[in-house]
Amino acid sequence: MENSYIAYFTEKDKKLEKVEKISSCILILNILKYLVSTAWEGKLISNKQYEDVAVKLEDIGGILGGWKRSLDNPKKKNHTL
């Protein structure tokens, strides 16, 4: 969360820094997904708990991925006409 906060409030002229921060967030998110999956496989959390967390982590991953893509291609719009 710290990296996403820093990236969000970084000045526009320091875009490269933002991309690096978002990449760091994505890496941490992937590690968290792995740990949650391992906890589920080890029966430390229930199926329902795993499902609830996994859906939220996927949503966050989509948001971060979209943010990173928009920073990688600033001239490309996110929508088509």
PDB file of N, CA and C in Angstrom:
ATOM      1  N   MET A   1       0.820  -1.193   0.000  1.00  0.00           N
ATOM      2  CA  MET A   1       0.000   0.000   0.000  1.00  0.00           C
ATOM      3  C   MET A   1       0.864   1.257   0.000  1.00  0.00           C
ATOM      4  N   GLU A   2       1.978   1.184   0.690  1.00  0.00           N
ATOM      5  CA  GLU A   2       2.866   2.337   0.743  1.00  0.00           C
ATOM      6  C   GLU A   2       3.347   2.716  -0.655  1.00  0.00           C
ATOM      7  N   ASN A   3       3.741   1.721  -1.443  1.00  0.00           N
ATOM      8  CA  ASN A   3       4.223   2.000  -2.800  1.00  0.00           C
ATOM      9  C   ASN A   3       3.130   2.581  -3.682  1.00  0.00           C
ATOM     10  N   SER A   4       1.910   2.086  -3.552  1.00  0.00           N
ATOM     11  CA  SER A   4       0.824   2.626  -4.371  1.00  0.00           C
ATOM     12  C   SER A   4       0.504   4.061  -3.963  1.00  0.00           C
ATOM     13  N   TYR A   5       0.593   4.349  -2.681  1.00  0.00           N
ATOM     14  CA  TYR A   5       0.362   5.710  -2.193  1.00  0.00           C
ATOM     15  C   TYR A   5       1.415   6.664  -2.758  1.00  0.00           C
ATOM     16  N   ILE A   6       2.677   6.237  -2.676  1.00  0.00           N
ATOM     17  CA  ILE A   6       3.774   7.061  -3.191  1.00  0.00           C
ATOM     18  C   ILE A   6       3.607   7.279  -4.696  1.00  0.00           C
ATOM     19  N   ALA A   7       3.296   6.219  -5.416  1.00  0.00           N
ATOM     20  CA  ALA A   7       3.127   6.333  -6.868  1.00  0.00           C
ATOM     21  C   ALA A   7       1.983   7.270  -7.221  1.00  0.00           C
ATOM     22  N   TYR A   8       0.895   7.177  -6.487  1.00  0.00           N
ATOM     23  CA  TYR A   8      -0.273   8.004  -6.780  1.00  0.00           C
ATOM     24  C   TYR A   8       0.041   9.495  -6.639  1.00  0.00           C
ATOM     25  N   PHE A   9       0.846   9.841  -5.639  1.00  0.00           N
ATOM     26  CA  PHE A   9       1.106  11.247  -5.370  1.00  0.00           C
ATOM     27  C   PHE A   9       2.435  11.751  -5.936  1.00  0.00           C
ATOM     28  N   THR A  10       3.111  10.934  -6.752  1.00  0.00           N
ATOM     29  CA  THR A  10       4.347  11.368  -7.407  1.00  0.00           C
ATOM     30  C   THR A  10       3.998  12.338  -8.536  1.00  0.00           C
ATOM     31  N   GLU A  11       4.836  13.343  -8.721  1.00  0.00           N
ATOM     32  CA  GLU A  11       4.591  14.333  -9.768  1.00  0.00           C
ATOM     33  C   GLU A  11       4.631  13.683 -11.142  1.00  0.00           C
ATOM     34  N   LYS A  12       3.864  14.230 -12.080  1.00  0.00           N
ATOM     35  CA  LYS A  12       3.754  13.655 -13.425  1.00  0.00           C
ATOM     36  C   LYS A  12       5.091  13.568 -14.146  1.00  0.00           C
ATOM     37  N   ASP A  13       5.982  14.507 -13.902  1.00  0.00           N
ATOM     38  CA  ASP A  13       7.262  14.497 -14.609  1.00  0.00           C
ATOM     39  C   ASP A  13       8.198  13.390 -14.117  1.00  0.00           C
ATOM     40  N   LYS A  14       7.815  12.691 -13.082  1.00  0.00           N
ATOM     41  CA  LYS A  14       8.601  11.570 -12.556  1.00  0.00           C
ATOM     42  C   LYS A  14       7.880  10.250 -12.829  1.00  0.00           C
ATOM     43  N   LYS A  15       7.348  10.130 -14.042  1.00  0.00           N
ATOM     44  CA  LYS A  15       6.540   8.976 -14.423  1.00  0.00           C
ATOM     45  C   LYS A  15       7.291   7.658 -14.286  1.00  0.00           C
ATOM     46  N   LEU A  16       8.553   7.621 -14.646  1.00  0.00           N
ATOM     47  CA  LEU A  16       9.330   6.383 -14.568  1.00  0.00           C
ATOM     48  C   LEU A  16       9.326   5.847 -13.138  1.00  0.00           C
ATOM     49  N   GLU A  17       9.456   6.740 -12.190  1.00  0.00           N
ATOM     50  CA  GLU A  17       9.407   6.357 -10.782  1.00  0.00           C
ATOM     51  C   GLU A  17       8.068   5.700 -10.451  1.00  0.00           C
ATOM     52  N   LYS A  18       6.987   6.256 -11.003  1.00  0.00           N
ATOM     53  CA  LYS A  18       5.656   5.707 -10.759  1.00  0.00           C
ATOM     54  C   LYS A  18       5.565   4.275 -11.265  1.00  0.00           C
ATOM     55  N   VAL A  19       6.054   4.047 -12.467  1.00  0.00           N
ATOM     56  CA  VAL A  19       5.982   2.708 -13.051  1.00  0.00           C
ATOM     57  C   VAL A  19       6.745   1.716 -12.182  1.00  0.00           C
ATOM     58  N   GLU A  20       7.909   2.119 -11.689  1.00  0.00           N
ATOM     59  CA  GLU A  20       8.691   1.244 -10.817  1.00  0.00           C
ATOM     60  C   GLU A  20       7.940   0.949  -9.523  1.00  0.00           C
ATOM     61  N   LYS A  21       7.270   1.931  -8.963  1.00  0.00           N
ATOM     62  CA  LYS A  21       6.501   1.731  -7.730  1.00  0.00           C
ATOM     63  C   LYS A  21       5.335   0.780  -7.980  1.00  0.00           C
ATOM     64  N   ILE A  22       4.642   0.958  -9.107  1.00  0.00           N
ATOM     65  CA  ILE A  22       3.515   0.086  -9.424  1.00  0.00           C
ATOM     66  C   ILE A  22       4.006  -1.340  -9.663  1.00  0.00           C
ATOM     67  N   SER A  23       5.139  -1.489 -10.342  1.00  0.00           N
ATOM     68  CA  SER A  23       5.698  -2.826 -10.558  1.00  0.00           C
ATOM     69  C   SER A  23       6.012  -3.489  -9.223  1.00  0.00           C
ATOM     70  N   SER A  24       6.494  -2.709  -8.288  1.00  0.00           N
ATOM     71  CA  SER A  24       6.782  -3.220  -6.952  1.00  0.00           C
ATOM     72  C   SER A  24       5.487  -3.663  -6.266  1.00  0.00           C
ATOM     73  N   CYS A  25       4.424  -2.896  -6.421  1.00  0.00           N
ATOM     74  CA  CYS A  25       3.122  -3.250  -5.843  1.00  0.00           C
ATOM     75  C   CYS A  25       2.608  -4.555  -6.443  1.00  0.00           C
ATOM     76  N   ILE A  26       2.769  -4.705  -7.745  1.00  0.00           N
ATOM     77  CA  ILE A  26       2.302  -5.911  -8.423  1.00  0.00           C
ATOM     78  C   ILE A  26       3.078  -7.125  -7.928  1.00  0.00           C
ATOM     79  N   LEU A  27       4.372  -6.981  -7.734  1.00  0.00           N
ATOM     80  CA  LEU A  27       5.184  -8.079  -7.205  1.00  0.00           C
ATOM     81  C   LEU A  27       4.719  -8.469  -5.806  1.00  0.00           C
ATOM     82  N   ILE A  28       4.514  -7.492  -4.949  1.00  0.00           N
ATOM     83  CA  ILE A  28       4.047  -7.763  -3.589  1.00  0.00           C
ATOM     84  C   ILE A  28       2.672  -8.418  -3.620  1.00  0.00           C
ATOM     85  N   LEU A  29       1.797  -7.963  -4.499  1.00  0.00           N
ATOM     86  CA  LEU A  29       0.474  -8.562  -4.628  1.00  0.00           C
ATOM     87  C   LEU A  29       0.580 -10.026  -5.051  1.00  0.00           C
ATOM     88  N   ASN A  30       1.463 -10.322  -5.996  1.00  0.00           N
ATOM     89  CA  ASN A  30       1.643 -11.710  -6.432  1.00  0.00           C
ATOM     90  C   ASN A  30       2.172 -12.599  -5.305  1.00  0.00           C
ATOM     91  N   ILE A  31       3.057 -12.055  -4.486  1.00  0.00           N
ATOM     92  CA  ILE A  31       3.549 -12.805  -3.329  1.00  0.00           C
ATOM     93  C   ILE A  31       2.399 -13.055  -2.354  1.00  0.00           C
ATOM     94  N   LEU A  32       1.576 -12.057  -2.138  1.00  0.00           N
ATOM     95  CA  LEU A  32       0.428 -12.211  -1.243  1.00  0.00           C
ATOM     96  C   LEU A  32      -0.543 -13.269  -1.771  1.00  0.00           C
ATOM     97  N   LYS A  33      -0.795 -13.266  -3.078  1.00  0.00           N
ATOM     98  CA  LYS A  33      -1.656 -14.294  -3.680  1.00  0.00           C
ATOM     99  C   LYS A  33      -1.088 -15.682  -3.417  1.00  0.00           C
ATOM    100  N   TYR A  34       0.228 -15.818  -3.577  1.00  0.00           N
ATOM    101  CA  TYR A  34       0.884 -17.103  -3.338  1.00  0.00           C
ATOM    102  C   TYR A  34       0.722 -17.536  -1.880  1.00  0.00           C
ATOM    103  N   LEU A  35       0.923 -16.616  -0.943  1.00  0.00           N
ATOM    104  CA  LEU A  35       0.802 -16.950   0.471  1.00  0.00           C
ATOM    105  C   LEU A  35      -0.624 -17.332   0.846  1.00  0.00           C
ATOM    106  N   VAL A  36      -1.591 -16.635   0.299  1.00  0.00           N
ATOM    107  CA  VAL A  36      -2.998 -16.967   0.573  1.00  0.00           C
ATOM    108  C   VAL A  36      -3.326 -18.336  -0.003  1.00  0.00           C
ATOM    109  N   SER A  37      -2.839 -18.607  -1.203  1.00  0.00           N
ATOM    110  CA  SER A  37      -3.056 -19.910  -1.825  1.00  0.00           C
ATOM    111  C   SER A  37      -2.428 -21.028  -0.991  1.00  0.00           C
ATOM    112  N   THR A  38      -1.239 -20.785  -0.503  1.00  0.00           N
ATOM    113  CA  THR A  38      -0.553 -21.767   0.335  1.00  0.00           C
ATOM    114  C   THR A  38      -1.311 -21.994   1.637  1.00  0.00           C
ATOM    115  N   ALA A  39      -1.838 -20.938   2.216  1.00  0.00           N
ATOM    116  CA  ALA A  39      -2.638 -21.069   3.441  1.00  0.00           C
ATOM    117  C   ALA A  39      -3.892 -21.894   3.182  1.00  0.00           C
ATOM    118  N   TRP A  40      -4.512 -21.692   2.034  1.00  0.00           N
ATOM    119  CA  TRP A  40      -5.707 -22.465   1.681  1.00  0.00           C
ATOM    120  C   TRP A  40      -5.361 -23.937   1.463  1.00  0.00           C
ATOM    121  N   GLU A  41      -4.287 -24.182   0.714  1.00  0.00           N
ATOM    122  CA  GLU A  41      -3.873 -25.563   0.460  1.00  0.00           C
ATOM    123  C   GLU A  41      -3.492 -26.275   1.752  1.00  0.00           C
ATOM    124  N   GLY A  42      -2.948 -25.542   2.710  1.00  0.00           N
ATOM    125  CA  GLY A  42      -2.591 -26.115   4.011  1.00  0.00           C
ATOM    126  C   GLY A  42      -3.765 -26.166   4.971  1.00  0.00           C
ATOM    127  N   LYS A  43      -4.951 -25.820   4.460  1.00  0.00           N
ATOM    128  CA  LYS A  43      -6.188 -25.826   5.239  1.00  0.00           C
ATOM    129  C   LYS A  43      -6.132 -24.914   6.471  1.00  0.00           C
ATOM    130  N   LEU A  44      -5.398 -23.819   6.320  1.00  0.00           N
ATOM    131  CA  LEU A  44      -5.338 -22.823   7.380  1.00  0.00           C
ATOM    132  C   LEU A  44      -6.469 -21.810   7.265  1.00  0.00           C
ATOM    133  N   ILE A  45      -7.037 -21.698   6.063  1.00  0.00           N
ATOM    134  CA  ILE A  45      -8.206 -20.854   5.843  1.00  0.00           C
ATOM    135  C   ILE A  45      -9.247 -21.672   5.094  1.00  0.00           C
ATOM    136  N   SER A  46     -10.496 -21.315   5.287  1.00  0.00           N
ATOM    137  CA  SER A  46     -11.603 -22.061   4.667  1.00  0.00           C
ATOM    138  C   SER A  46     -11.728 -21.721   3.184  1.00  0.00           C
ATOM    139  N   ASN A  47     -12.523 -22.534   2.485  1.00  0.00           N
ATOM    140  CA  ASN A  47     -12.785 -22.267   1.070  1.00  0.00           C
ATOM    141  C   ASN A  47     -13.421 -20.893   0.887  1.00  0.00           C
ATOM    142  N   LYS A  48     -14.364 -20.550   1.757  1.00  0.00           N
ATOM    143  CA  LYS A  48     -15.055 -19.267   1.667  1.00  0.00           C
ATOM    144  C   LYS A  48     -14.079 -18.113   1.888  1.00  0.00           C
ATOM    145  N   GLN A  49     -13.221 -18.232   2.888  1.00  0.00           N
ATOM    146  CA  GLN A  49     -12.233 -17.182   3.146  1.00  0.00           C
ATOM    147  C   GLN A  49     -11.301 -17.024   1.946  1.00  0.00           C
ATOM    148  N   TYR A  50     -10.861 -18.150   1.411  1.00  0.00           N
ATOM    149  CA  TYR A  50      -9.971 -18.113   0.253  1.00  0.00           C
ATOM    150  C   TYR A  50     -10.659 -17.445  -0.934  1.00  0.00           C
ATOM    151  N   GLU A  51     -11.903 -17.839  -1.170  1.00  0.00           N
ATOM    152  CA  GLU A  51     -12.647 -17.263  -2.293  1.00  0.00           C
ATOM    153  C   GLU A  51     -12.806 -15.750  -2.126  1.00  0.00           C
ATOM    154  N   ASP A  52     -13.178 -15.316  -0.937  1.00  0.00           N
ATOM    155  CA  ASP A  52     -13.375 -13.887  -0.683  1.00  0.00           C
ATOM    156  C   ASP A  52     -12.092 -13.093  -0.917  1.00  0.00           C
ATOM    157  N   VAL A  53     -10.992 -13.601  -0.383  1.00  0.00           N
ATOM    158  CA  VAL A  53      -9.715 -12.896  -0.513  1.00  0.00           C
ATOM    159  C   VAL A  53      -9.211 -12.955  -1.955  1.00  0.00           C
ATOM    160  N   ALA A  54      -9.315 -14.113  -2.595  1.00  0.00           N
ATOM    161  CA  ALA A  54      -8.809 -14.281  -3.958  1.00  0.00           C
ATOM    162  C   ALA A  54      -9.513 -13.331  -4.929  1.00  0.00           C
ATOM    163  N   VAL A  55     -10.807 -13.175  -4.785  1.00  0.00           N
ATOM    164  CA  VAL A  55     -11.560 -12.261  -5.665  1.00  0.00           C
ATOM    165  C   VAL A  55     -11.077 -10.831  -5.473  1.00  0.00           C
ATOM    166  N   LYS A  56     -10.882 -10.431  -4.237  1.00  0.00           N
ATOM    167  CA  LYS A  56     -10.426  -9.064  -3.967  1.00  0.00           C
ATOM    168  C   LYS A  56      -9.011  -8.840  -4.486  1.00  0.00           C
ATOM    169  N   LEU A  57      -8.145  -9.839  -4.319  1.00  0.00           N
ATOM    170  CA  LEU A  57      -6.777  -9.706  -4.815  1.00  0.00           C
ATOM    171  C   LEU A  57      -6.752  -9.626  -6.340  1.00  0.00           C
ATOM    172  N   GLU A  58      -7.617 -10.363  -7.009  1.00  0.00           N
ATOM    173  CA  GLU A  58      -7.701 -10.291  -8.472  1.00  0.00           C
ATOM    174  C   GLU A  58      -8.171  -8.911  -8.921  1.00  0.00           C
ATOM    175  N   ASP A  59      -9.147  -8.360  -8.207  1.00  0.00           N
ATOM    176  CA  ASP A  59      -9.629  -7.012  -8.526  1.00  0.00           C
ATOM    177  C   ASP A  59      -8.504  -5.984  -8.380  1.00  0.00           C
ATOM    178  N   ILE A  60      -7.767  -6.087  -7.290  1.00  0.00           N
ATOM    179  CA  ILE A  60      -6.652  -5.169  -7.058  1.00  0.00           C
ATOM    180  C   ILE A  60      -5.602  -5.342  -8.149  1.00  0.00           C
ATOM    181  N   GLY A  61      -5.331  -6.578  -8.531  1.00  0.00           N
ATOM    182  CA  GLY A  61      -4.369  -6.847  -9.596  1.00  0.00           C
ATOM    183  C   GLY A  61      -4.786  -6.212 -10.907  1.00  0.00           C
ATOM    184  N   GLY A  62      -6.074  -6.274 -11.207  1.00  0.00           N
ATOM    185  CA  GLY A  62      -6.576  -5.641 -12.431  1.00  0.00           C
ATOM    186  C   GLY A  62      -6.407  -4.131 -12.405  1.00  0.00           C
ATOM    187  N   ILE A  63      -6.665  -3.545 -11.256  1.00  0.00           N
ATOM    188  CA  ILE A  63      -6.515  -2.093 -11.110  1.00  0.00           C
ATOM    189  C   ILE A  63      -5.058  -1.688 -11.276  1.00  0.00           C
ATOM    190  N   LEU A  64      -4.163  -2.406 -10.578  1.00  0.00           N
ATOM    191  CA  LEU A  64      -2.734  -2.082 -10.675  1.00  0.00           C
ATOM    192  C   LEU A  64      -2.205  -2.320 -12.086  1.00  0.00           C
ATOM    193  N   GLY A  65      -2.636  -3.400 -12.715  1.00  0.00           N
ATOM    194  CA  GLY A  65      -2.204  -3.682 -14.083  1.00  0.00           C
ATOM    195  C   GLY A  65      -2.655  -2.606 -15.051  1.00  0.00           C
ATOM    196  N   GLY A  66      -3.883  -2.161 -14.917  1.00  0.00           N
ATOM    197  CA  GLY A  66      -4.400  -1.084 -15.760  1.00  0.00           C
ATOM    198  C   GLY A  66      -3.649   0.219 -15.533  1.00  0.00           C
ATOM    199  N   TRP A  67      -3.338   0.493 -14.294  1.00  0.00           N
ATOM    200  CA  TRP A  67      -2.601   1.700 -13.949  1.00  0.00           C
ATOM    201  C   TRP A  67      -1.213   1.645 -14.572  1.00  0.00           C
ATOM    202  N   LYS A  68      -0.551   0.491 -14.462  1.00  0.00           N
ATOM    203  CA  LYS A  68       0.789   0.336 -15.034  1.00  0.00           C
ATOM    204  C   LYS A  68       0.747   0.491 -16.555  1.00  0.00           C
ATOM    205  N   ARG A  69      -0.244  -0.130 -17.204  1.00  0.00           N
ATOM    206  CA  ARG A  69      -0.363  -0.005 -18.663  1.00  0.00           C
ATOM    207  C   ARG A  69      -0.576   1.448 -19.069  1.00  0.00           C
ATOM    208  N   SER A  70      -1.381   2.170 -18.303  1.00  0.00           N
ATOM    209  CA  SER A  70      -1.632   3.575 -18.658  1.00  0.00           C
ATOM    210  C   SER A  70      -0.379   4.426 -18.483  1.00  0.00           C
ATOM    211  N   LEU A  71       0.477   4.066 -17.531  1.00  0.00           N
ATOM    212  CA  LEU A  71       1.725   4.799 -17.348  1.00  0.00           C
ATOM    213  C   LEU A  71       2.753   4.411 -18.401  1.00  0.00           C
ATOM    214  N   ASP A  72       2.725   3.142 -18.830  1.00  0.00           N
ATOM    215  CA  ASP A  72       3.645   2.686 -19.873  1.00  0.00           C
ATOM    216  C   ASP A  72       3.319   3.311 -21.227  1.00  0.00           C
ATOM    217  N   ASN A  73       2.038   3.573 -21.482  1.00  0.00           N
ATOM    218  CA  ASN A  73       1.577   4.131 -22.761  1.00  0.00           C
ATOM    219  C   ASN A  73       0.732   5.375 -22.500  1.00  0.00           C
ATOM    220  N   PRO A  74       1.349   6.480 -22.128  1.00  0.00           N
ATOM    221  CA  PRO A  74       0.557   7.656 -21.746  1.00  0.00           C
ATOM    222  C   PRO A  74      -0.254   8.261 -22.884  1.00  0.00           C
ATOM    223  N   LYS A  75       0.154   8.033 -24.130  1.00  0.00           N
ATOM    224  CA  LYS A  75      -0.583   8.617 -25.261  1.00  0.00           C
ATOM    225  C   LYS A  75      -1.776   7.768 -25.664  1.00  0.00           C
ATOM    226  N   LYS A  76      -1.776   6.506 -25.277  1.00  0.00           N
ATOM    227  CA  LYS A  76      -2.859   5.608 -25.635  1.00  0.00           C
ATOM    228  C   LYS A  76      -4.005   5.784 -24.647  1.00  0.00           C
ATOM    229  N   LYS A  77      -5.194   5.982 -25.159  1.00  0.00           N
ATOM    230  CA  LYS A  77      -6.362   6.144 -24.314  1.00  0.00           C
ATOM    231  C   LYS A  77      -6.870   4.789 -23.857  1.00  0.00           C
ATOM    232  N   ASN A  78      -7.526   4.764 -22.716  1.00  0.00           N
ATOM    233  CA  ASN A  78      -8.049   3.516 -22.159  1.00  0.00           C
ATOM    234  C   ASN A  78      -9.358   3.080 -22.796  1.00  0.00           C
ATOM    235  N   HIS A  79      -9.901   3.888 -23.662  1.00  0.00           N
ATOM    236  CA  HIS A  79     -11.181   3.538 -24.289  1.00  0.00           C
ATOM    237  C   HIS A  79     -11.103   3.783 -25.797  1.00  0.00           C
ATOM    238  N   THR A  80     -12.008   3.161 -26.505  1.00  0.00           N
ATOM    239  CA  THR A  80     -12.078   3.364 -27.953  1.00  0.00           C
ATOM    240  C   THR A  80     -13.407   4.007 -28.289  1.00  0.00           C
ATOM    241  N   LEU A  81     -13.432   4.712 -29.396  1.00  0.00           N
ATOM    242  CA  LEU A  81     -14.680   5.373 -29.828  1.00  0.00           C
ATOM    243  C   LEU A  81     -15.382   4.537 -30.865  1.00  0.00           C
TER     244      LEU A  81
END
